[in-house]
Amino acid sequence: MEFKIIKNDLDEYSFHNKLKVNLKTGLLFISSLEMQIAYKLILGSDKYLEDAKHIYELFKKDLNSNELKRLVNILNVEVNFEKIK
């Protein structure tokens, strides 16, 4: 689990586009799936690319493809995105 302080526009984006997960013990907020994929593509190791691919394949029909493409372009990770598609 990572905790971050808002330091830039992407952190701000993640904060304002978070997902709410209902747990038995309370609420957990996570970044959007599109942001999780794009962030893992930045990290770029085989493990992170596999994680990104797994999220992409698992939630493909639920993802906002335009938003994912926008984040991929902003983060300049088009090459890694092509690897997981």
PDB file of N, CA and C in Angstrom:
ATOM      1  N   MET A   1       0.846  -1.159   0.000  1.00  0.00           N
ATOM      2  CA  MET A   1       0.000   0.000   0.000  1.00  0.00           C
ATOM      3  C   MET A   1       0.894   1.225   0.000  1.00  0.00           C
ATOM      4  N   GLU A   2       0.526   2.203  -0.810  1.00  0.00           N
ATOM      5  CA  GLU A   2       1.274   3.452  -0.873  1.00  0.00           C
ATOM      6  C   GLU A   2       0.398   4.605  -0.408  1.00  0.00           C
ATOM      7  N   PHE A   3       0.995   5.518   0.321  1.00  0.00           N
ATOM      8  CA  PHE A   3       0.338   6.758   0.702  1.00  0.00           C
ATOM      9  C   PHE A   3       1.140   7.885   0.087  1.00  0.00           C
ATOM     10  N   LYS A   4       0.462   8.824  -0.532  1.00  0.00           N
ATOM     11  CA  LYS A   4       1.159   9.909  -1.198  1.00  0.00           C
ATOM     12  C   LYS A   4       0.574  11.246  -0.781  1.00  0.00           C
ATOM     13  N   ILE A   5       1.423  12.242  -0.814  1.00  0.00           N
ATOM     14  CA  ILE A   5       1.010  13.625  -0.617  1.00  0.00           C
ATOM     15  C   ILE A   5       0.878  14.238  -2.003  1.00  0.00           C
ATOM     16  N   ILE A   6      -0.130  15.069  -2.195  1.00  0.00           N
ATOM     17  CA  ILE A   6      -0.327  15.707  -3.498  1.00  0.00           C
ATOM     18  C   ILE A   6       0.824  16.681  -3.747  1.00  0.00           C
ATOM     19  N   LYS A   7       1.614  16.388  -4.817  1.00  0.00           N
ATOM     20  CA  LYS A   7       2.778  17.207  -5.150  1.00  0.00           C
ATOM     21  C   LYS A   7       2.718  17.788  -6.553  1.00  0.00           C
ATOM     22  N   ASN A   8       1.840  17.207  -7.395  1.00  0.00           N
ATOM     23  CA  ASN A   8       1.807  17.659  -8.788  1.00  0.00           C
ATOM     24  C   ASN A   8       0.418  17.416  -9.384  1.00  0.00           C
ATOM     25  N   ASP A   9       0.285  17.737 -10.660  1.00  0.00           N
ATOM     26  CA  ASP A   9      -1.013  17.620 -11.328  1.00  0.00           C
ATOM     27  C   ASP A   9      -1.530  16.188 -11.374  1.00  0.00           C
ATOM     28  N   LEU A  10      -0.637  15.222 -11.553  1.00  0.00           N
ATOM     29  CA  LEU A  10      -1.080  13.820 -11.600  1.00  0.00           C
ATOM     30  C   LEU A  10      -1.559  13.341 -10.236  1.00  0.00           C
ATOM     31  N   ASP A  11      -0.896  13.777  -9.190  1.00  0.00           N
ATOM     32  CA  ASP A  11      -1.365  13.448  -7.842  1.00  0.00           C
ATOM     33  C   ASP A  11      -2.743  14.063  -7.612  1.00  0.00           C
ATOM     34  N   GLU A  12      -2.900  15.284  -8.054  1.00  0.00           N
ATOM     35  CA  GLU A  12      -4.192  15.972  -7.927  1.00  0.00           C
ATOM     36  C   GLU A  12      -5.268  15.213  -8.704  1.00  0.00           C
ATOM     37  N   TYR A  13      -4.927  14.782  -9.914  1.00  0.00           N
ATOM     38  CA  TYR A  13      -5.850  13.999 -10.736  1.00  0.00           C
ATOM     39  C   TYR A  13      -6.265  12.721 -10.002  1.00  0.00           C
ATOM     40  N   SER A  14      -5.283  12.012  -9.457  1.00  0.00           N
ATOM     41  CA  SER A  14      -5.577  10.757  -8.753  1.00  0.00           C
ATOM     42  C   SER A  14      -6.500  10.987  -7.569  1.00  0.00           C
ATOM     43  N   PHE A  15      -6.257  12.062  -6.854  1.00  0.00           N
ATOM     44  CA  PHE A  15      -7.087  12.365  -5.693  1.00  0.00           C
ATOM     45  C   PHE A  15      -8.529  12.638  -6.094  1.00  0.00           C
ATOM     46  N   HIS A  16      -8.714  13.393  -7.161  1.00  0.00           N
ATOM     47  CA  HIS A  16     -10.068  13.783  -7.567  1.00  0.00           C
ATOM     48  C   HIS A  16     -10.787  12.720  -8.404  1.00  0.00           C
ATOM     49  N   ASN A  17     -10.063  11.708  -8.857  1.00  0.00           N
ATOM     50  CA  ASN A  17     -10.659  10.643  -9.675  1.00  0.00           C
ATOM     51  C   ASN A  17     -10.518   9.290  -9.000  1.00  0.00           C
ATOM     52  N   LYS A  18     -10.605   9.277  -7.693  1.00  0.00           N
ATOM     53  CA  LYS A  18     -10.428   8.040  -6.931  1.00  0.00           C
ATOM     54  C   LYS A  18     -11.684   7.173  -6.990  1.00  0.00           C
ATOM     55  N   LEU A  19     -11.490   5.902  -6.716  1.00  0.00           N
ATOM     56  CA  LEU A  19     -12.587   4.945  -6.628  1.00  0.00           C
ATOM     57  C   LEU A  19     -12.836   4.609  -5.168  1.00  0.00           C
ATOM     58  N   LYS A  20     -14.092   4.434  -4.836  1.00  0.00           N
ATOM     59  CA  LYS A  20     -14.460   4.058  -3.476  1.00  0.00           C
ATOM     60  C   LYS A  20     -14.693   2.554  -3.451  1.00  0.00           C
ATOM     61  N   VAL A  21     -14.009   1.867  -2.541  1.00  0.00           N
ATOM     62  CA  VAL A  21     -14.161   0.430  -2.367  1.00  0.00           C
ATOM     63  C   VAL A  21     -14.798   0.206  -0.994  1.00  0.00           C
ATOM     64  N   ASN A  22     -15.945  -0.459  -0.990  1.00  0.00           N
ATOM     65  CA  ASN A  22     -16.629  -0.761   0.266  1.00  0.00           C
ATOM     66  C   ASN A  22     -16.099  -2.074   0.832  1.00  0.00           C
ATOM     67  N   LEU A  23     -15.544  -1.996   2.029  1.00  0.00           N
ATOM     68  CA  LEU A  23     -15.057  -3.171   2.743  1.00  0.00           C
ATOM     69  C   LEU A  23     -15.957  -3.415   3.951  1.00  0.00           C
ATOM     70  N   LYS A  24     -15.896  -4.594   4.482  1.00  0.00           N
ATOM     71  CA  LYS A  24     -16.688  -4.890   5.688  1.00  0.00           C
ATOM     72  C   LYS A  24     -16.317  -3.957   6.835  1.00  0.00           C
ATOM     73  N   THR A  25     -15.067  -3.562   6.872  1.00  0.00           N
ATOM     74  CA  THR A  25     -14.581  -2.741   7.977  1.00  0.00           C
ATOM     75  C   THR A  25     -14.621  -1.233   7.685  1.00  0.00           C
ATOM     76  N   GLY A  26     -15.060  -0.855   6.499  1.00  0.00           N
ATOM     77  CA  GLY A  26     -15.121   0.570   6.166  1.00  0.00           C
ATOM     78  C   GLY A  26     -14.841   0.818   4.705  1.00  0.00           C
ATOM     79  N   LEU A  27     -14.479   2.042   4.397  1.00  0.00           N
ATOM     80  CA  LEU A  27     -14.212   2.450   3.024  1.00  0.00           C
ATOM     81  C   LEU A  27     -12.717   2.525   2.764  1.00  0.00           C
ATOM     82  N   LEU A  28     -12.347   2.208   1.531  1.00  0.00           N
ATOM     83  CA  LEU A  28     -10.979   2.356   1.069  1.00  0.00           C
ATOM     84  C   LEU A  28     -11.052   3.091  -0.259  1.00  0.00           C
ATOM     85  N   PHE A  29     -10.240   4.120  -0.426  1.00  0.00           N
ATOM     86  CA  PHE A  29     -10.195   4.850  -1.683  1.00  0.00           C
ATOM     87  C   PHE A  29      -8.924   4.475  -2.420  1.00  0.00           C
ATOM     88  N   ILE A  30      -9.071   4.187  -3.716  1.00  0.00           N
ATOM     89  CA  ILE A  30      -7.923   3.828  -4.557  1.00  0.00           C
ATOM     90  C   ILE A  30      -7.955   4.698  -5.806  1.00  0.00           C
ATOM     91  N   SER A  31      -6.817   4.778  -6.477  1.00  0.00           N
ATOM     92  CA  SER A  31      -6.769   5.544  -7.727  1.00  0.00           C
ATOM     93  C   SER A  31      -7.560   4.812  -8.803  1.00  0.00           C
ATOM     94  N   SER A  32      -7.936   5.550  -9.823  1.00  0.00           N
ATOM     95  CA  SER A  32      -8.709   4.955 -10.917  1.00  0.00           C
ATOM     96  C   SER A  32      -7.907   3.834 -11.569  1.00  0.00           C
ATOM     97  N   LEU A  33      -8.610   2.902 -12.164  1.00  0.00           N
ATOM     98  CA  LEU A  33      -7.943   1.788 -12.838  1.00  0.00           C
ATOM     99  C   LEU A  33      -7.078   2.296 -13.993  1.00  0.00           C
ATOM    100  N   GLU A  34      -7.573   3.317 -14.690  1.00  0.00           N
ATOM    101  CA  GLU A  34      -6.804   3.890 -15.797  1.00  0.00           C
ATOM    102  C   GLU A  34      -5.469   4.445 -15.284  1.00  0.00           C
ATOM    103  N   MET A  35      -5.517   5.131 -14.135  1.00  0.00           N
ATOM    104  CA  MET A  35      -4.285   5.681 -13.558  1.00  0.00           C
ATOM    105  C   MET A  35      -3.378   4.572 -13.045  1.00  0.00           C
ATOM    106  N   GLN A  36      -3.956   3.530 -12.460  1.00  0.00           N
ATOM    107  CA  GLN A  36      -3.129   2.421 -11.981  1.00  0.00           C
ATOM    108  C   GLN A  36      -2.369   1.776 -13.134  1.00  0.00           C
ATOM    109  N   ILE A  37      -3.051   1.578 -14.250  1.00  0.00           N
ATOM    110  CA  ILE A  37      -2.399   0.982 -15.426  1.00  0.00           C
ATOM    111  C   ILE A  37      -1.282   1.896 -15.913  1.00  0.00           C
ATOM    112  N   ALA A  38      -1.599   3.164 -16.117  1.00  0.00           N
ATOM    113  CA  ALA A  38      -0.610   4.113 -16.638  1.00  0.00           C
ATOM    114  C   ALA A  38       0.592   4.232 -15.701  1.00  0.00           C
ATOM    115  N   TYR A  39       0.356   4.268 -14.402  1.00  0.00           N
ATOM    116  CA  TYR A  39       1.445   4.386 -13.433  1.00  0.00           C
ATOM    117  C   TYR A  39       2.353   3.156 -13.482  1.00  0.00           C
ATOM    118  N   LYS A  40       1.774   1.986 -13.590  1.00  0.00           N
ATOM    119  CA  LYS A  40       2.583   0.767 -13.669  1.00  0.00           C
ATOM    120  C   LYS A  40       3.403   0.745 -14.963  1.00  0.00           C
ATOM    121  N   LEU A  41       2.866   1.353 -16.015  1.00  0.00           N
ATOM    122  CA  LEU A  41       3.610   1.437 -17.272  1.00  0.00           C
ATOM    123  C   LEU A  41       4.822   2.347 -17.131  1.00  0.00           C
ATOM    124  N   ILE A  42       4.723   3.372 -16.294  1.00  0.00           N
ATOM    125  CA  ILE A  42       5.881   4.244 -16.035  1.00  0.00           C
ATOM    126  C   ILE A  42       6.988   3.433 -15.369  1.00  0.00           C
ATOM    127  N   LEU A  43       6.621   2.617 -14.399  1.00  0.00           N
ATOM    128  CA  LEU A  43       7.614   1.852 -13.644  1.00  0.00           C
ATOM    129  C   LEU A  43       8.345   0.875 -14.549  1.00  0.00           C
ATOM    130  N   GLY A  44       7.618   0.249 -15.485  1.00  0.00           N
ATOM    131  CA  GLY A  44       8.209  -0.448 -16.609  1.00  0.00           C
ATOM    132  C   GLY A  44       8.874  -1.794 -16.407  1.00  0.00           C
ATOM    133  N   SER A  45       9.034  -2.269 -15.182  1.00  0.00           N
ATOM    134  CA  SER A  45       9.665  -3.583 -15.006  1.00  0.00           C
ATOM    135  C   SER A  45       8.703  -4.666 -15.500  1.00  0.00           C
ATOM    136  N   ASP A  46       9.234  -5.853 -15.711  1.00  0.00           N
ATOM    137  CA  ASP A  46       8.389  -6.956 -16.173  1.00  0.00           C
ATOM    138  C   ASP A  46       7.210  -7.182 -15.229  1.00  0.00           C
ATOM    139  N   LYS A  47       7.480  -7.113 -13.917  1.00  0.00           N
ATOM    140  CA  LYS A  47       6.422  -7.333 -12.937  1.00  0.00           C
ATOM    141  C   LYS A  47       5.330  -6.269 -13.066  1.00  0.00           C
ATOM    142  N   TYR A  48       5.718  -4.997 -13.176  1.00  0.00           N
ATOM    143  CA  TYR A  48       4.727  -3.928 -13.285  1.00  0.00           C
ATOM    144  C   TYR A  48       3.973  -3.983 -14.612  1.00  0.00           C
ATOM    145  N   LEU A  49       4.655  -4.377 -15.677  1.00  0.00           N
ATOM    146  CA  LEU A  49       3.962  -4.532 -16.955  1.00  0.00           C
ATOM    147  C   LEU A  49       2.946  -5.663 -16.880  1.00  0.00           C
ATOM    148  N   GLU A  50       3.307  -6.754 -16.196  1.00  0.00           N
ATOM    149  CA  GLU A  50       2.355  -7.856 -16.008  1.00  0.00           C
ATOM    150  C   GLU A  50       1.160  -7.408 -15.169  1.00  0.00           C
ATOM    151  N   ASP A  51       1.427  -6.626 -14.110  1.00  0.00           N
ATOM    152  CA  ASP A  51       0.343  -6.083 -13.284  1.00  0.00           C
ATOM    153  C   ASP A  51      -0.586  -5.206 -14.122  1.00  0.00           C
ATOM    154  N   ALA A  52       0.007  -4.329 -14.931  1.00  0.00           N
ATOM    155  CA  ALA A  52      -0.780  -3.435 -15.786  1.00  0.00           C
ATOM    156  C   ALA A  52      -1.614  -4.243 -16.775  1.00  0.00           C
ATOM    157  N   LYS A  53      -1.004  -5.259 -17.358  1.00  0.00           N
ATOM    158  CA  LYS A  53      -1.717  -6.108 -18.314  1.00  0.00           C
ATOM    159  C   LYS A  53      -2.869  -6.834 -17.631  1.00  0.00           C
ATOM    160  N   HIS A  54      -2.635  -7.327 -16.427  1.00  0.00           N
ATOM    161  CA  HIS A  54      -3.675  -8.042 -15.689  1.00  0.00           C
ATOM    162  C   HIS A  54      -4.872  -7.121 -15.416  1.00  0.00           C
ATOM    163  N   ILE A  55      -4.612  -5.926 -14.929  1.00  0.00           N
ATOM    164  CA  ILE A  55      -5.701  -4.966 -14.680  1.00  0.00           C
ATOM    165  C   ILE A  55      -6.404  -4.634 -15.989  1.00  0.00           C
ATOM    166  N   TYR A  56      -5.621  -4.395 -17.043  1.00  0.00           N
ATOM    167  CA  TYR A  56      -6.194  -4.048 -18.353  1.00  0.00           C
ATOM    168  C   TYR A  56      -7.111  -5.153 -18.857  1.00  0.00           C
ATOM    169  N   GLU A  57      -6.643  -6.392 -18.813  1.00  0.00           N
ATOM    170  CA  GLU A  57      -7.445  -7.511 -19.308  1.00  0.00           C
ATOM    171  C   GLU A  57      -8.669  -7.771 -18.427  1.00  0.00           C
ATOM    172  N   LEU A  58      -8.494  -7.699 -17.134  1.00  0.00           N
ATOM    173  CA  LEU A  58      -9.576  -7.987 -16.201  1.00  0.00           C
ATOM    174  C   LEU A  58     -10.721  -6.970 -16.298  1.00  0.00           C
ATOM    175  N   PHE A  59     -10.380  -5.699 -16.493  1.00  0.00           N
ATOM    176  CA  PHE A  59     -11.383  -4.632 -16.482  1.00  0.00           C
ATOM    177  C   PHE A  59     -11.559  -3.946 -17.832  1.00  0.00           C
ATOM    178  N   LYS A  60     -11.078  -4.568 -18.892  1.00  0.00           N
ATOM    179  CA  LYS A  60     -11.071  -3.963 -20.222  1.00  0.00           C
ATOM    180  C   LYS A  60     -12.415  -3.351 -20.613  1.00  0.00           C
ATOM    181  N   LYS A  61     -13.493  -4.070 -20.379  1.00  0.00           N
ATOM    182  CA  LYS A  61     -14.816  -3.578 -20.802  1.00  0.00           C
ATOM    183  C   LYS A  61     -15.318  -2.427 -19.928  1.00  0.00           C
ATOM    184  N   ASP A  62     -14.752  -2.268 -18.734  1.00  0.00           N
ATOM    185  CA  ASP A  62     -15.184  -1.216 -17.812  1.00  0.00           C
ATOM    186  C   ASP A  62     -14.299   0.022 -17.852  1.00  0.00           C
ATOM    187  N   LEU A  63     -13.150  -0.072 -18.504  1.00  0.00           N
ATOM    188  CA  LEU A  63     -12.220   1.056 -18.550  1.00  0.00           C
ATOM    189  C   LEU A  63     -12.728   2.153 -19.462  1.00  0.00           C
ATOM    190  N   ASN A  64     -12.390   3.372 -19.125  1.00  0.00           N
ATOM    191  CA  ASN A  64     -12.641   4.511 -19.999  1.00  0.00           C
ATOM    192  C   ASN A  64     -11.438   4.569 -20.939  1.00  0.00           C
ATOM    193  N   SER A  65     -11.592   4.028 -22.135  1.00  0.00           N
ATOM    194  CA  SER A  65     -10.449   3.892 -23.045  1.00  0.00           C
ATOM    195  C   SER A  65      -9.889   5.250 -23.455  1.00  0.00           C
ATOM    196  N   ASN A  66     -10.743   6.247 -23.618  1.00  0.00           N
ATOM    197  CA  ASN A  66     -10.250   7.581 -23.970  1.00  0.00           C
ATOM    198  C   ASN A  66      -9.397   8.153 -22.845  1.00  0.00           C
ATOM    199  N   GLU A  67      -9.831   7.961 -21.613  1.00  0.00           N
ATOM    200  CA  GLU A  67      -9.069   8.470 -20.469  1.00  0.00           C
ATOM    201  C   GLU A  67      -7.752   7.710 -20.323  1.00  0.00           C
ATOM    202  N   LEU A  68      -7.780   6.413 -20.529  1.00  0.00           N
ATOM    203  CA  LEU A  68      -6.553   5.628 -20.457  1.00  0.00           C
ATOM    204  C   LEU A  68      -5.564   6.099 -21.522  1.00  0.00           C
ATOM    205  N   LYS A  69      -6.026   6.295 -22.738  1.00  0.00           N
ATOM    206  CA  LYS A  69      -5.145   6.772 -23.815  1.00  0.00           C
ATOM    207  C   LYS A  69      -4.586   8.152 -23.486  1.00  0.00           C
ATOM    208  N   ARG A  70      -5.417   9.008 -22.898  1.00  0.00           N
ATOM    209  CA  ARG A  70      -4.972  10.354 -22.524  1.00  0.00           C
ATOM    210  C   ARG A  70      -3.851  10.272 -21.487  1.00  0.00           C
ATOM    211  N   LEU A  71      -4.031   9.434 -20.462  1.00  0.00           N
ATOM    212  CA  LEU A  71      -3.011   9.284 -19.432  1.00  0.00           C
ATOM    213  C   LEU A  71      -1.736   8.661 -19.996  1.00  0.00           C
ATOM    214  N   VAL A  72      -1.888   7.682 -20.854  1.00  0.00           N
ATOM    215  CA  VAL A  72      -0.731   7.046 -21.488  1.00  0.00           C
ATOM    216  C   VAL A  72       0.064   8.089 -22.282  1.00  0.00           C
ATOM    217  N   ASN A  73      -0.638   8.964 -22.988  1.00  0.00           N
ATOM    218  CA  ASN A  73       0.041  10.015 -23.757  1.00  0.00           C
ATOM    219  C   ASN A  73       0.703  11.042 -22.850  1.00  0.00           C
ATOM    220  N   ILE A  74      -0.010  11.483 -21.813  1.00  0.00           N
ATOM    221  CA  ILE A  74       0.551  12.469 -20.885  1.00  0.00           C
ATOM    222  C   ILE A  74       1.822  11.930 -20.228  1.00  0.00           C
ATOM    223  N   LEU A  75       1.791  10.663 -19.856  1.00  0.00           N
ATOM    224  CA  LEU A  75       2.927  10.052 -19.162  1.00  0.00           C
ATOM    225  C   LEU A  75       3.986   9.504 -20.114  1.00  0.00           C
ATOM    226  N   ASN A  76       3.716   9.622 -21.410  1.00  0.00           N
ATOM    227  CA  ASN A  76       4.672   9.200 -22.435  1.00  0.00           C
ATOM    228  C   ASN A  76       5.088   7.734 -22.278  1.00  0.00           C
ATOM    229  N   VAL A  77       4.075   6.866 -22.126  1.00  0.00           N
ATOM    230  CA  VAL A  77       4.339   5.428 -21.956  1.00  0.00           C
ATOM    231  C   VAL A  77       3.651   4.609 -23.053  1.00  0.00           C
ATOM    232  N   GLU A  78       3.545   5.197 -24.234  1.00  0.00           N
ATOM    233  CA  GLU A  78       2.879   4.532 -25.348  1.00  0.00           C
ATOM    234  C   GLU A  78       3.531   3.198 -25.701  1.00  0.00           C
ATOM    235  N   VAL A  79       4.862   3.152 -25.664  1.00  0.00           N
ATOM    236  CA  VAL A  79       5.582   1.913 -26.026  1.00  0.00           C
ATOM    237  C   VAL A  79       5.213   0.790 -25.072  1.00  0.00           C
ATOM    238  N   ASN A  80       5.202   1.074 -23.777  1.00  0.00           N
ATOM    239  CA  ASN A  80       4.834   0.035 -22.810  1.00  0.00           C
ATOM    240  C   ASN A  80       3.356  -0.329 -22.894  1.00  0.00           C
ATOM    241  N   PHE A  81       2.524   0.637 -23.235  1.00  0.00           N
ATOM    242  CA  PHE A  81       1.100   0.340 -23.395  1.00  0.00           C
ATOM    243  C   PHE A  81       0.884  -0.646 -24.546  1.00  0.00           C
ATOM    244  N   GLU A  82       1.609  -0.466 -25.627  1.00  0.00           N
ATOM    245  CA  GLU A  82       1.508  -1.387 -26.769  1.00  0.00           C
ATOM    246  C   GLU A  82       1.932  -2.804 -26.377  1.00  0.00           C
ATOM    247  N   LYS A  83       2.852  -2.916 -25.437  1.00  0.00           N
ATOM    248  CA  LYS A  83       3.324  -4.240 -24.984  1.00  0.00           C
ATOM    249  C   LYS A  83       2.238  -5.014 -24.243  1.00  0.00           C
ATOM    250  N   ILE A  84       1.317  -4.315 -23.589  1.00  0.00           N
ATOM    251  CA  ILE A  84       0.322  -5.021 -22.772  1.00  0.00           C
ATOM    252  C   ILE A  84      -1.003  -5.231 -23.491  1.00  0.00           C
ATOM    253  N   LYS A  85      -1.207  -4.593 -24.630  1.00  0.00           N
ATOM    254  CA  LYS A  85      -2.470  -4.728 -25.342  1.00  0.00           C
ATOM    255  C   LYS A  85      -2.554  -6.043 -26.076  1.00  0.00           C
TER     256      LYS A  85
END
